[in-house]
C-alpha atoms as a PDB file:
ATOM      1  CA  UNK A   1      -7.655  -9.720  -6.467  1.00  0.00           C
ATOM      2  CA  UNK A   2      -7.314  -9.179  -2.718  1.00  0.00           C
ATOM      3  CA  UNK A   3      -9.810  -7.080  -0.769  1.00  0.00           C
ATOM      4  CA  UNK A   4      -9.260  -5.392   2.597  1.00  0.00           C
ATOM      5  CA  UNK A   5     -11.942  -3.777   4.743  1.00  0.00           C
ATOM      6  CA  UNK A   6     -10.730  -1.178   7.250  1.00  0.00           C
ATOM      7  CA  UNK A   7     -13.533  -0.855   9.774  1.00  0.00           C
ATOM      8  CA  UNK A   8     -14.489   0.077  13.309  1.00  0.00           C
ATOM      9  CA  UNK A   9     -17.568   1.379  15.042  1.00  0.00           C
ATOM     10  CA  UNK A  10     -15.442   4.073  16.705  1.00  0.00           C
ATOM     11  CA  UNK A  11     -14.981   7.396  14.942  1.00  0.00           C
ATOM     12  CA  UNK A  12     -11.603   9.114  14.881  1.00  0.00           C
ATOM     13  CA  UNK A  13      -9.530   5.950  15.183  1.00  0.00           C
ATOM     14  CA  UNK A  14      -7.712   6.476  11.869  1.00  0.00           C
ATOM     15  CA  UNK A  15      -9.656   4.342   9.395  1.00  0.00           C
ATOM     16  CA  UNK A  16      -9.237   6.763   6.485  1.00  0.00           C
ATOM     17  CA  UNK A  17      -5.558   7.354   7.252  1.00  0.00           C
ATOM     18  CA  UNK A  18      -4.912   3.611   7.306  1.00  0.00           C
ATOM     19  CA  UNK A  19      -6.986   3.044   4.164  1.00  0.00           C
ATOM     20  CA  UNK A  20      -5.227   5.735   2.150  1.00  0.00           C
ATOM     21  CA  UNK A  21      -1.790   4.586   3.317  1.00  0.00           C
ATOM     22  CA  UNK A  22      -2.560   0.994   2.388  1.00  0.00           C
ATOM     23  CA  UNK A  23      -3.776   2.090  -1.041  1.00  0.00           C
ATOM     24  CA  UNK A  24      -0.712   4.292  -1.534  1.00  0.00           C
ATOM     25  CA  UNK A  25       1.625   1.442  -0.586  1.00  0.00           C
ATOM     26  CA  UNK A  26       0.072  -0.912  -3.135  1.00  0.00           C
ATOM     27  CA  UNK A  27       0.190   1.794  -5.814  1.00  0.00           C
ATOM     28  CA  UNK A  28       3.850   2.554  -5.105  1.00  0.00           C
ATOM     29  CA  UNK A  29       4.528  -1.184  -5.401  1.00  0.00           C
ATOM     30  CA  UNK A  30       3.084  -1.060  -8.911  1.00  0.00           C
ATOM     31  CA  UNK A  31      -0.194  -2.838  -8.158  1.00  0.00           C
ATOM     32  CA  UNK A  32      -3.434  -1.711  -9.746  1.00  0.00           C
ATOM     33  CA  UNK A  33      -5.444  -0.604  -6.708  1.00  0.00           C
ATOM     34  CA  UNK A  34      -8.968   0.576  -5.979  1.00  0.00           C
ATOM     35  CA  UNK A  35      -9.897   2.642  -2.926  1.00  0.00           C
ATOM     36  CA  UNK A  36     -13.589   2.360  -2.031  1.00  0.00           C
ATOM     37  CA  UNK A  37     -14.987   4.980   0.347  1.00  0.00           C
ATOM     38  CA  UNK A  38     -18.167   3.850   2.113  1.00  0.00           C
ATOM     39  CA  UNK A  39     -18.222   6.973   4.288  1.00  0.00           C
ATOM     40  CA  UNK A  40     -20.615   9.764   3.198  1.00  0.00           C
ATOM     41  CA  UNK A  41     -17.997  12.249   4.452  1.00  0.00           C
ATOM     42  CA  UNK A  42     -15.771  11.076   1.596  1.00  0.00           C
ATOM     43  CA  UNK A  43     -12.395  11.608   3.296  1.00  0.00           C
ATOM     44  CA  UNK A  44     -10.639   8.941   1.243  1.00  0.00           C
ATOM     45  CA  UNK A  45     -12.164  10.222  -1.986  1.00  0.00           C
ATOM     46  CA  UNK A  46     -10.910  13.734  -1.233  1.00  0.00           C
ATOM     47  CA  UNK A  47      -7.448  12.307  -0.536  1.00  0.00           C
ATOM     48  CA  UNK A  48      -7.505  10.739  -4.006  1.00  0.00           C
ATOM     49  CA  UNK A  49      -8.486  14.067  -5.526  1.00  0.00           C
ATOM     50  CA  UNK A  50      -5.587  15.831  -3.788  1.00  0.00           C
ATOM     51  CA  UNK A  51      -3.057  13.260  -4.927  1.00  0.00           C
ATOM     52  CA  UNK A  52      -0.752  14.889  -7.463  1.00  0.00           C
ATOM     53  CA  UNK A  53      -0.546  13.560 -11.013  1.00  0.00           C
ATOM     54  CA  UNK A  54       3.083  12.426 -10.693  1.00  0.00           C
ATOM     55  CA  UNK A  55       2.275  10.044  -7.830  1.00  0.00           C
ATOM     56  CA  UNK A  56       0.686   6.628  -8.500  1.00  0.00           C
ATOM     57  CA  UNK A  57      -2.959   6.841  -7.494  1.00  0.00           C
ATOM     58  CA  UNK A  58      -5.690   4.279  -6.839  1.00  0.00           C
ATOM     59  CA  UNK A  59      -8.979   4.120  -8.662  1.00  0.00           C
ATOM     60  CA  UNK A  60     -11.378   6.080  -6.453  1.00  0.00           C
ATOM     61  CA  UNK A  61     -14.833   4.525  -6.007  1.00  0.00           C
ATOM     62  CA  UNK A  62     -17.733   6.130  -4.176  1.00  0.00           C
ATOM     63  CA  UNK A  63     -18.976   3.303  -1.992  1.00  0.00           C
ATOM     64  CA  UNK A  64     -22.087   5.207  -0.923  1.00  0.00           C
ATOM     65  CA  UNK A  65     -23.565   4.596  -4.363  1.00  0.00           C
ATOM     66  CA  UNK A  66     -25.748   1.537  -4.810  1.00  0.00           C
ATOM     67  CA  UNK A  67     -23.975  -1.317  -6.608  1.00  0.00           C
ATOM     68  CA  UNK A  68     -20.615   0.401  -6.192  1.00  0.00           C
ATOM     69  CA  UNK A  69     -18.878  -2.900  -6.879  1.00  0.00           C
ATOM     70  CA  UNK A  70     -20.006  -2.629 -10.506  1.00  0.00           C
ATOM     71  CA  UNK A  71     -17.558   0.293 -10.883  1.00  0.00           C
ATOM     72  CA  UNK A  72     -14.601  -1.947 -10.048  1.00  0.00           C
ATOM     73  CA  UNK A  73     -12.173  -2.299 -13.000  1.00  0.00           C
ATOM     74  CA  UNK A  74     -11.509  -5.900 -13.983  1.00  0.00           C
ATOM     75  CA  UNK A  75      -7.724  -5.515 -13.794  1.00  0.00           C
ATOM     76  CA  UNK A  76      -7.634  -4.365 -10.156  1.00  0.00           C
ATOM     77  CA  UNK A  77      -5.199  -6.337  -8.005  1.00  0.00           C
ATOM     78  CA  UNK A  78      -5.844  -4.772  -4.605  1.00  0.00           C
ATOM     79  CA  UNK A  79      -9.018  -3.310  -3.131  1.00  0.00           C
ATOM     80  CA  UNK A  80      -9.053  -1.235   0.049  1.00  0.00           C
ATOM     81  CA  UNK A  81     -12.454  -0.369   1.525  1.00  0.00           C
ATOM     82  CA  UNK A  82     -12.751   2.496   4.009  1.00  0.00           C
ATOM     83  CA  UNK A  83     -15.769   2.051   6.301  1.00  0.00           C
ATOM     84  CA  UNK A  84     -17.575   4.933   8.047  1.00  0.00           C
ATOM     85  CA  UNK A  85     -17.730   5.559  11.775  1.00  0.00           C
ATOM     86  CA  UNK A  86     -20.599   3.873  13.530  1.00  0.00           C
ATOM     87  CA  UNK A  87     -20.362   0.813  11.308  1.00  0.00           C
ATOM     88  CA  UNK A  88     -22.021  -2.427  12.358  1.00  0.00           C
ATOM     89  CA  UNK A  89     -22.003  -5.870  10.754  1.00  0.00           C
ATOM     90  CA  UNK A  90     -25.463  -5.071   9.363  1.00  0.00           C
ATOM     91  CA  UNK A  91     -24.377  -1.827   7.673  1.00  0.00           C
ATOM     92  CA  UNK A  92     -21.249  -3.571   6.361  1.00  0.00           C
ATOM     93  CA  UNK A  93     -23.079  -6.680   5.166  1.00  0.00           C
ATOM     94  CA  UNK A  94     -22.307  -6.151   1.476  1.00  0.00           C
ATOM     95  CA  UNK A  95     -18.605  -5.483   2.068  1.00  0.00           C
ATOM     96  CA  UNK A  96     -18.214  -8.388   4.502  1.00  0.00           C
ATOM     97  CA  UNK A  97     -19.398 -10.760   1.773  1.00  0.00           C
ATOM     98  CA  UNK A  98     -16.660  -9.603  -0.607  1.00  0.00           C
ATOM     99  CA  UNK A  99     -13.497  -8.960   1.418  1.00  0.00           C
ATOM    100  CA  UNK A 100     -10.637 -11.285   2.327  1.00  0.00           C
ATOM    101  CA  UNK A 101      -9.727  -9.670   5.659  1.00  0.00           C
ATOM    102  CA  UNK A 102     -10.978  -7.025   8.084  1.00  0.00           C
ATOM    103  CA  UNK A 103      -8.405  -4.690   9.657  1.00  0.00           C
ATOM    104  CA  UNK A 104      -9.619  -2.915  12.788  1.00  0.00           C
ATOM    105  CA  UNK A 105      -7.685   0.160  13.980  1.00  0.00           C
ATOM    106  CA  UNK A 106      -7.877   0.828  17.692  1.00  0.00           C
ATOM    107  CA  UNK A 107      -6.586   3.706  19.787  1.00  0.00           C
ATOM    108  CA  UNK A 108      -4.911   2.956  23.147  1.00  0.00           C
ATOM    109  CA  UNK A 109      -7.582   4.599  25.273  1.00  0.00           C
ATOM    110  CA  UNK A 110     -10.295   3.107  27.536  1.00  0.00           C
ATOM    111  CA  UNK A 111     -13.340   4.333  25.566  1.00  0.00           C
ATOM    112  CA  UNK A 112     -11.794   3.179  22.290  1.00  0.00           C
ATOM    113  CA  UNK A 113     -10.990  -0.250  23.709  1.00  0.00           C
ATOM    114  CA  UNK A 114     -14.549  -0.645  24.991  1.00  0.00           C
ATOM    115  CA  UNK A 115     -16.088   0.411  21.665  1.00  0.00           C
ATOM    116  CA  UNK A 116     -13.740  -1.848  19.710  1.00  0.00           C
ATOM    117  CA  UNK A 117     -14.484  -4.807  21.972  1.00  0.00           C
ATOM    118  CA  UNK A 118     -18.209  -4.431  21.288  1.00  0.00           C
ATOM    119  CA  UNK A 119     -17.582  -4.095  17.542  1.00  0.00           C
ATOM    120  CA  UNK A 120     -15.419  -7.230  17.508  1.00  0.00           C
ATOM    121  CA  UNK A 121     -18.025  -9.119  19.503  1.00  0.00           C
ATOM    122  CA  UNK A 122     -20.657  -8.214  16.917  1.00  0.00           C
ATOM    123  CA  UNK A 123     -18.308  -9.167  14.067  1.00  0.00           C
ATOM    124  CA  UNK A 124     -17.612 -12.549  15.659  1.00  0.00           C
ATOM    125  CA  UNK A 125     -21.250 -13.500  15.056  1.00  0.00           C
ATOM    126  CA  UNK A 126     -20.963 -12.958  11.296  1.00  0.00           C
ATOM    127  CA  UNK A 127     -20.991 -16.465   9.747  1.00  0.00           C
ATOM    128  CA  UNK A 128     -17.869 -15.896   7.623  1.00  0.00           C
ATOM    129  CA  UNK A 129     -16.014 -14.723  10.726  1.00  0.00           C
ATOM    130  CA  UNK A 130     -17.274 -17.368  13.141  1.00  0.00           C
ATOM    131  CA  UNK A 131     -16.391 -20.111  10.635  1.00  0.00           C
ATOM    132  CA  UNK A 132     -12.831 -18.809  10.282  1.00  0.00           C
ATOM    133  CA  UNK A 133     -13.267 -17.959   6.605  1.00  0.00           C
ATOM    134  CA  UNK A 134     -12.891 -14.200   7.165  1.00  0.00           C
ATOM    135  CA  UNK A 135      -9.947 -13.254   9.414  1.00  0.00           C
ATOM    136  CA  UNK A 136      -9.911 -10.214  11.687  1.00  0.00           C
ATOM    137  CA  UNK A 137      -6.719  -8.409  12.691  1.00  0.00           C
ATOM    138  CA  UNK A 138      -5.969  -5.313  14.757  1.00  0.00           C
ATOM    139  CA  UNK A 139      -3.743  -2.290  14.208  1.00  0.00           C
ATOM    140  CA  UNK A 140      -2.871  -0.289  17.302  1.00  0.00           C
ATOM    141  CA  UNK A 141      -2.909   3.323  16.171  1.00  0.00           C
ATOM    142  CA  UNK A 142      -1.483   6.567  17.593  1.00  0.00           C
ATOM    143  CA  UNK A 143       0.549   4.691  20.155  1.00  0.00           C
ATOM    144  CA  UNK A 144       2.797   6.592  22.539  1.00  0.00           C
ATOM    145  CA  UNK A 145       5.119   3.791  23.665  1.00  0.00           C
ATOM    146  CA  UNK A 146       6.641   5.731  26.550  1.00  0.00           C
ATOM    147  CA  UNK A 147       3.325   6.377  28.286  1.00  0.00           C
ATOM    148  CA  UNK A 148       1.735   4.088  30.849  1.00  0.00           C
ATOM    149  CA  UNK A 149      -1.665   4.526  29.206  1.00  0.00           C
ATOM    150  CA  UNK A 150      -0.428   3.095  25.906  1.00  0.00           C
ATOM    151  CA  UNK A 151       1.417   0.280  27.657  1.00  0.00           C
ATOM    152  CA  UNK A 152      -1.672  -0.735  29.633  1.00  0.00           C
ATOM    153  CA  UNK A 153      -3.852  -0.583  26.529  1.00  0.00           C
ATOM    154  CA  UNK A 154      -1.428  -2.672  24.479  1.00  0.00           C
ATOM    155  CA  UNK A 155      -1.241  -5.250  27.257  1.00  0.00           C
ATOM    156  CA  UNK A 156      -5.032  -5.491  27.149  1.00  0.00           C
ATOM    157  CA  UNK A 157      -5.053  -5.803  23.356  1.00  0.00           C
ATOM    158  CA  UNK A 158      -2.587  -8.685  23.511  1.00  0.00           C
ATOM    159  CA  UNK A 159      -5.105 -10.593  25.619  1.00  0.00           C
ATOM    160  CA  UNK A 160      -7.698 -10.395  22.859  1.00  0.00           C
ATOM    161  CA  UNK A 161      -8.023 -13.335  20.430  1.00  0.00           C
ATOM    162  CA  UNK A 162      -6.923 -11.340  17.393  1.00  0.00           C
ATOM    163  CA  UNK A 163      -3.424 -10.673  16.043  1.00  0.00           C
ATOM    164  CA  UNK A 164      -1.980  -7.174  16.440  1.00  0.00           C
ATOM    165  CA  UNK A 165      -0.203  -6.481  13.175  1.00  0.00           C
ATOM    166  CA  UNK A 166       1.361  -3.110  13.986  1.00  0.00           C
ATOM    167  CA  UNK A 167       1.784  -0.468  16.648  1.00  0.00           C
ATOM    168  CA  UNK A 168       1.760   2.790  14.702  1.00  0.00           C
ATOM    169  CA  UNK A 169       3.121   5.868  16.443  1.00  0.00           C
ATOM    170  CA  UNK A 170       1.200   9.014  17.272  1.00  0.00           C
ATOM    171  CA  UNK A 171       2.785  11.226  14.610  1.00  0.00           C
ATOM    172  CA  UNK A 172       1.775  14.479  12.947  1.00  0.00           C
ATOM    173  CA  UNK A 173       3.314  13.115   9.745  1.00  0.00           C
ATOM    174  CA  UNK A 174       0.086  11.262   8.983  1.00  0.00           C
ATOM    175  CA  UNK A 175      -2.027  14.385   9.412  1.00  0.00           C
ATOM    176  CA  UNK A 176       0.222  16.506   7.207  1.00  0.00           C
ATOM    177  CA  UNK A 177       0.649  13.915   4.473  1.00  0.00           C
ATOM    178  CA  UNK A 178      -2.998  12.928   4.154  1.00  0.00           C
ATOM    179  CA  UNK A 179      -3.939  16.605   3.910  1.00  0.00           C
ATOM    180  CA  UNK A 180      -1.675  16.749   0.836  1.00  0.00           C
ATOM    181  CA  UNK A 181      -2.957  13.552  -0.769  1.00  0.00           C
ATOM    182  CA  UNK A 182       0.286  11.797   0.077  1.00  0.00           C
ATOM    183  CA  UNK A 183       1.559   8.981   2.290  1.00  0.00           C
ATOM    184  CA  UNK A 184       4.698   7.829   4.062  1.00  0.00           C
ATOM    185  CA  UNK A 185       5.245   5.349   1.256  1.00  0.00           C
ATOM    186  CA  UNK A 186       5.807   8.121  -1.253  1.00  0.00           C
ATOM    187  CA  UNK A 187       9.125   8.986   0.413  1.00  0.00           C
ATOM    188  CA  UNK A 188      12.455   7.216   0.783  1.00  0.00           C
ATOM    189  CA  UNK A 189      14.190   9.381   3.360  1.00  0.00           C
ATOM    190  CA  UNK A 190      15.358   8.018   6.701  1.00  0.00           C
ATOM    191  CA  UNK A 191      12.513   9.514   8.741  1.00  0.00           C
ATOM    192  CA  UNK A 192       9.867   8.039   6.442  1.00  0.00           C
ATOM    193  CA  UNK A 193      11.602   4.657   6.389  1.00  0.00           C
ATOM    194  CA  UNK A 194      11.543   4.495  10.185  1.00  0.00           C
ATOM    195  CA  UNK A 195       7.776   4.984  10.144  1.00  0.00           C
ATOM    196  CA  UNK A 196       7.326   2.584   7.215  1.00  0.00           C
ATOM    197  CA  UNK A 197       9.097  -0.159   9.160  1.00  0.00           C
ATOM    198  CA  UNK A 198       6.256  -0.145  11.692  1.00  0.00           C
ATOM    199  CA  UNK A 199       3.902  -1.279   8.918  1.00  0.00           C
ATOM    200  CA  UNK A 200       5.857  -4.375   7.929  1.00  0.00           C
ATOM    201  CA  UNK A 201       3.792  -6.686  10.122  1.00  0.00           C
ATOM    202  CA  UNK A 202       0.684  -5.579   8.226  1.00  0.00           C
ATOM    203  CA  UNK A 203       2.125  -6.360   4.812  1.00  0.00           C
ATOM    204  CA  UNK A 204       3.695  -9.641   5.962  1.00  0.00           C
ATOM    205  CA  UNK A 205       0.298 -10.744   7.260  1.00  0.00           C
ATOM    206  CA  UNK A 206      -1.488  -9.709   4.043  1.00  0.00           C
ATOM    207  CA  UNK A 207       1.051 -11.567   1.902  1.00  0.00           C
ATOM    208  CA  UNK A 208       0.528 -14.723   3.970  1.00  0.00           C
ATOM    209  CA  UNK A 209      -3.225 -14.485   3.511  1.00  0.00           C
ATOM    210  CA  UNK A 210      -2.802 -14.012  -0.229  1.00  0.00           C
ATOM    211  CA  UNK A 211      -0.504 -17.028  -0.517  1.00  0.00           C
ATOM    212  CA  UNK A 212      -2.919 -19.120   1.545  1.00  0.00           C
ATOM    213  CA  UNK A 213      -5.812 -18.081  -0.686  1.00  0.00           C
ATOM    214  CA  UNK A 214      -3.890 -18.978  -3.847  1.00  0.00           C
ATOM    215  CA  UNK A 215      -2.918 -22.366  -2.399  1.00  0.00           C
ATOM    216  CA  UNK A 216      -6.538 -23.118  -1.529  1.00  0.00           C
ATOM    217  CA  UNK A 217      -7.642 -22.302  -5.072  1.00  0.00           C
ATOM    218  CA  UNK A 218      -4.908 -24.493  -6.573  1.00  0.00           C
END
Protein backbone atom coordinates (compact mmCIF):
# COMPACT_ATOMS: atom_id res chain seq x y z
CA UNK A 1 0.00 0.00 0.00
CA UNK A 2 1.25 3.47 -0.92
CA UNK A 3 0.07 6.57 0.94
CA UNK A 4 0.15 10.17 -0.31
CA UNK A 5 -0.53 13.26 1.78
CA UNK A 6 -1.60 16.37 -0.14
CA UNK A 7 -0.96 19.26 2.21
CA UNK A 8 -0.26 22.96 2.53
CA UNK A 9 -0.88 25.64 5.11
CA UNK A 10 -2.34 27.87 2.39
CA UNK A 11 -6.05 27.67 1.66
CA UNK A 12 -7.34 27.72 -1.91
CA UNK A 13 -4.23 26.23 -3.48
CA UNK A 14 -6.05 23.19 -4.91
CA UNK A 15 -5.44 20.45 -2.34
CA UNK A 16 -8.87 18.86 -2.74
CA UNK A 17 -8.76 19.10 -6.54
CA UNK A 18 -5.36 17.40 -6.59
CA UNK A 19 -6.45 14.78 -4.06
CA UNK A 20 -9.61 13.84 -5.93
CA UNK A 21 -7.78 13.72 -9.27
CA UNK A 22 -5.08 11.49 -7.83
CA UNK A 23 -7.71 9.17 -6.36
CA UNK A 24 -9.64 9.11 -9.64
CA UNK A 25 -6.49 8.27 -11.61
CA UNK A 26 -5.69 5.30 -9.38
CA UNK A 27 -9.29 4.09 -9.56
CA UNK A 28 -9.35 4.35 -13.36
CA UNK A 29 -6.12 2.34 -13.40
CA UNK A 30 -7.94 -0.42 -11.54
CA UNK A 31 -6.28 0.09 -8.15
CA UNK A 32 -8.26 -0.21 -4.95
CA UNK A 33 -8.02 3.32 -3.55
CA UNK A 34 -9.02 5.14 -0.39
CA UNK A 35 -9.54 8.91 -0.20
CA UNK A 36 -9.18 10.27 3.33
CA UNK A 37 -10.54 13.76 3.98
CA UNK A 38 -8.99 15.43 7.03
CA UNK A 39 -10.78 18.71 6.31
CA UNK A 40 -13.94 19.41 8.36
CA UNK A 41 -15.36 21.10 5.24
CA UNK A 42 -15.44 17.66 3.63
CA UNK A 43 -14.87 18.75 0.01
CA UNK A 44 -13.30 15.45 -1.01
CA UNK A 45 -16.02 13.45 0.71
CA UNK A 46 -18.70 15.40 -1.17
CA UNK A 47 -16.84 14.74 -4.43
CA UNK A 48 -17.03 11.01 -3.67
CA UNK A 49 -20.75 11.30 -3.02
CA UNK A 50 -21.29 13.05 -6.37
CA UNK A 51 -19.33 10.46 -8.29
CA UNK A 52 -21.74 8.49 -10.46
CA UNK A 53 -22.15 4.75 -9.99
CA UNK A 54 -20.71 3.86 -13.41
CA UNK A 55 -17.36 5.50 -12.62
CA UNK A 56 -14.76 3.73 -10.45
CA UNK A 57 -14.79 5.39 -7.04
CA UNK A 58 -12.43 5.37 -4.06
CA UNK A 59 -13.38 4.32 -0.57
CA UNK A 60 -14.31 7.57 1.18
CA UNK A 61 -13.01 7.94 4.74
CA UNK A 62 -13.83 10.80 7.09
CA UNK A 63 -10.43 11.73 8.45
CA UNK A 64 -11.88 14.08 11.06
CA UNK A 65 -13.02 11.07 13.06
CA UNK A 66 -10.68 9.76 15.73
CA UNK A 67 -8.82 6.60 14.68
CA UNK A 68 -9.89 7.08 11.07
CA UNK A 69 -7.14 4.71 9.97
CA UNK A 70 -9.11 1.85 11.52
CA UNK A 71 -11.68 2.32 8.72
CA UNK A 72 -9.08 1.53 6.06
CA UNK A 73 -9.91 -1.68 4.13
CA UNK A 74 -7.11 -4.24 4.17
CA UNK A 75 -7.06 -4.62 0.38
CA UNK A 76 -6.43 -0.93 -0.37
CA UNK A 77 -3.50 -0.35 -2.73
CA UNK A 78 -3.40 3.45 -2.79
CA UNK A 79 -4.28 5.98 -0.11
CA UNK A 80 -4.68 9.69 -0.82
CA UNK A 81 -5.05 12.00 2.18
CA UNK A 82 -6.49 15.49 1.69
CA UNK A 83 -5.30 17.89 4.41
CA UNK A 84 -7.21 21.02 5.50
CA UNK A 85 -6.08 24.60 5.05
CA UNK A 86 -4.02 25.96 7.89
CA UNK A 87 -2.29 22.63 8.43
CA UNK A 88 0.93 22.46 10.42
CA UNK A 89 3.26 19.55 11.16
CA UNK A 90 1.64 19.32 14.60
CA UNK A 91 -1.92 19.04 13.26
CA UNK A 92 -0.72 16.53 10.64
CA UNK A 93 1.35 14.48 13.08
CA UNK A 94 -0.73 11.31 12.73
CA UNK A 95 -0.76 11.42 8.92
CA UNK A 96 2.96 12.23 8.67
CA UNK A 97 3.73 9.02 10.56
CA UNK A 98 1.84 6.91 8.02
CA UNK A 99 2.44 8.38 4.55
CA UNK A 100 5.14 7.63 2.00
CA UNK A 101 5.30 11.10 0.41
CA UNK A 102 3.95 14.62 0.90
CA UNK A 103 2.80 16.53 -2.19
CA UNK A 104 2.55 20.29 -1.70
CA UNK A 105 0.51 22.31 -4.23
CA UNK A 106 1.59 25.90 -4.64
CA UNK A 107 0.09 28.75 -6.63
CA UNK A 108 2.41 31.07 -8.60
CA UNK A 109 1.71 34.16 -6.52
CA UNK A 110 3.84 36.02 -3.93
CA UNK A 111 1.62 35.39 -0.88
CA UNK A 112 1.28 31.71 -1.78
CA UNK A 113 5.03 31.32 -2.22
CA UNK A 114 5.68 32.95 1.16
CA UNK A 115 3.11 30.77 2.94
CA UNK A 116 4.41 27.63 1.25
CA UNK A 117 8.01 28.48 2.14
CA UNK A 118 7.06 28.74 5.82
CA UNK A 119 5.12 25.47 5.65
CA UNK A 120 8.05 23.67 4.03
CA UNK A 121 10.43 25.10 6.61
CA UNK A 122 8.24 23.71 9.39
CA UNK A 123 7.98 20.34 7.61
CA UNK A 124 11.76 20.15 7.25
CA UNK A 125 12.04 19.89 11.04
CA UNK A 126 9.88 16.76 11.17
CA UNK A 127 12.28 13.88 11.95
CA UNK A 128 11.06 11.66 9.09
CA UNK A 129 11.58 14.56 6.68
CA UNK A 130 14.92 15.77 8.01
CA UNK A 131 16.29 12.21 7.90
CA UNK A 132 15.26 11.79 4.26
CA UNK A 133 12.80 9.00 5.04
CA UNK A 134 9.75 11.06 4.01
CA UNK A 135 10.16 12.89 0.69
CA UNK A 136 8.50 16.21 -0.12
CA UNK A 137 7.61 17.27 -3.66
CA UNK A 138 5.86 20.29 -5.16
CA UNK A 139 3.11 20.70 -7.73
CA UNK A 140 2.80 24.13 -9.31
CA UNK A 141 -0.92 24.71 -9.69
CA UNK A 142 -3.04 27.10 -11.78
CA UNK A 143 -0.05 28.16 -13.81
CA UNK A 144 -0.47 30.66 -16.63
CA UNK A 145 2.71 30.00 -18.61
CA UNK A 146 2.42 33.09 -20.79
CA UNK A 147 2.37 35.53 -17.87
CA UNK A 148 5.44 37.10 -16.30
CA UNK A 149 4.03 36.48 -12.82
CA UNK A 150 3.90 32.72 -13.37
CA UNK A 151 7.34 32.69 -14.97
CA UNK A 152 8.89 34.58 -12.05
CA UNK A 153 7.18 32.32 -9.53
CA UNK A 154 8.29 29.15 -11.30
CA UNK A 155 11.86 30.44 -11.45
CA UNK A 156 11.72 30.96 -7.69
CA UNK A 157 10.27 27.48 -7.12
CA UNK A 158 13.10 25.91 -9.10
CA UNK A 159 15.55 27.41 -6.62
CA UNK A 160 13.91 25.55 -3.75
CA UNK A 161 15.39 22.20 -2.65
CA UNK A 162 12.33 20.18 -3.63
CA UNK A 163 11.40 18.62 -6.98
CA UNK A 164 8.59 20.22 -8.99
CA UNK A 165 6.64 17.30 -10.41
CA UNK A 166 4.14 19.19 -12.57
CA UNK A 167 3.04 22.60 -13.75
CA UNK A 168 -0.74 22.30 -13.98
CA UNK A 169 -2.57 24.91 -16.02
CA UNK A 170 -5.14 27.37 -14.74
CA UNK A 171 -8.18 25.69 -16.29
CA UNK A 172 -11.91 25.82 -15.58
CA UNK A 173 -12.03 22.12 -16.45
CA UNK A 174 -10.99 21.25 -12.90
CA UNK A 175 -13.73 23.38 -11.38
CA UNK A 176 -16.44 21.94 -13.62
CA UNK A 177 -15.34 18.32 -13.27
CA UNK A 178 -14.90 18.30 -9.50
CA UNK A 179 -18.35 19.86 -9.12
CA UNK A 180 -19.70 16.79 -10.95
CA UNK A 181 -17.69 14.23 -8.99
CA UNK A 182 -15.49 13.60 -12.00
CA UNK A 183 -11.88 14.09 -13.10
CA UNK A 184 -9.81 14.56 -16.23
CA UNK A 185 -8.84 10.91 -16.00
CA UNK A 186 -12.39 9.79 -16.65
CA UNK A 187 -12.13 11.01 -20.26
CA UNK A 188 -10.13 9.94 -23.29
CA UNK A 189 -10.74 12.82 -25.67
CA UNK A 190 -7.92 14.95 -27.04
CA UNK A 191 -8.55 17.94 -24.76
CA UNK A 192 -8.50 15.77 -21.64
CA UNK A 193 -5.38 13.93 -22.80
CA UNK A 194 -3.52 17.22 -23.22
CA UNK A 195 -4.27 18.10 -19.60
CA UNK A 196 -3.51 14.57 -18.40
CA UNK A 197 -0.05 14.75 -19.96
CA UNK A 198 0.86 17.53 -17.52
CA UNK A 199 0.42 15.04 -14.67
CA UNK A 200 2.87 12.45 -15.97
CA UNK A 201 5.75 13.77 -13.88
CA UNK A 202 3.66 13.17 -10.76
CA UNK A 203 2.92 9.55 -11.59
CA UNK A 204 6.48 8.84 -12.77
CA UNK A 205 7.78 10.15 -9.45
CA UNK A 206 5.25 8.10 -7.43
CA UNK A 207 6.13 4.93 -9.34
CA UNK A 208 9.83 5.48 -8.61
CA UNK A 209 9.11 5.89 -4.92
CA UNK A 210 7.03 2.72 -4.91
CA UNK A 211 9.76 0.72 -6.65
CA UNK A 212 12.36 2.09 -4.23
CA UNK A 213 10.19 1.12 -1.27
CA UNK A 214 9.71 -2.42 -2.59
CA UNK A 215 13.45 -2.79 -3.20
CA UNK A 216 14.22 -1.67 0.34
CA UNK A 217 11.80 -4.23 1.77
CA UNK A 218 13.28 -7.02 -0.37
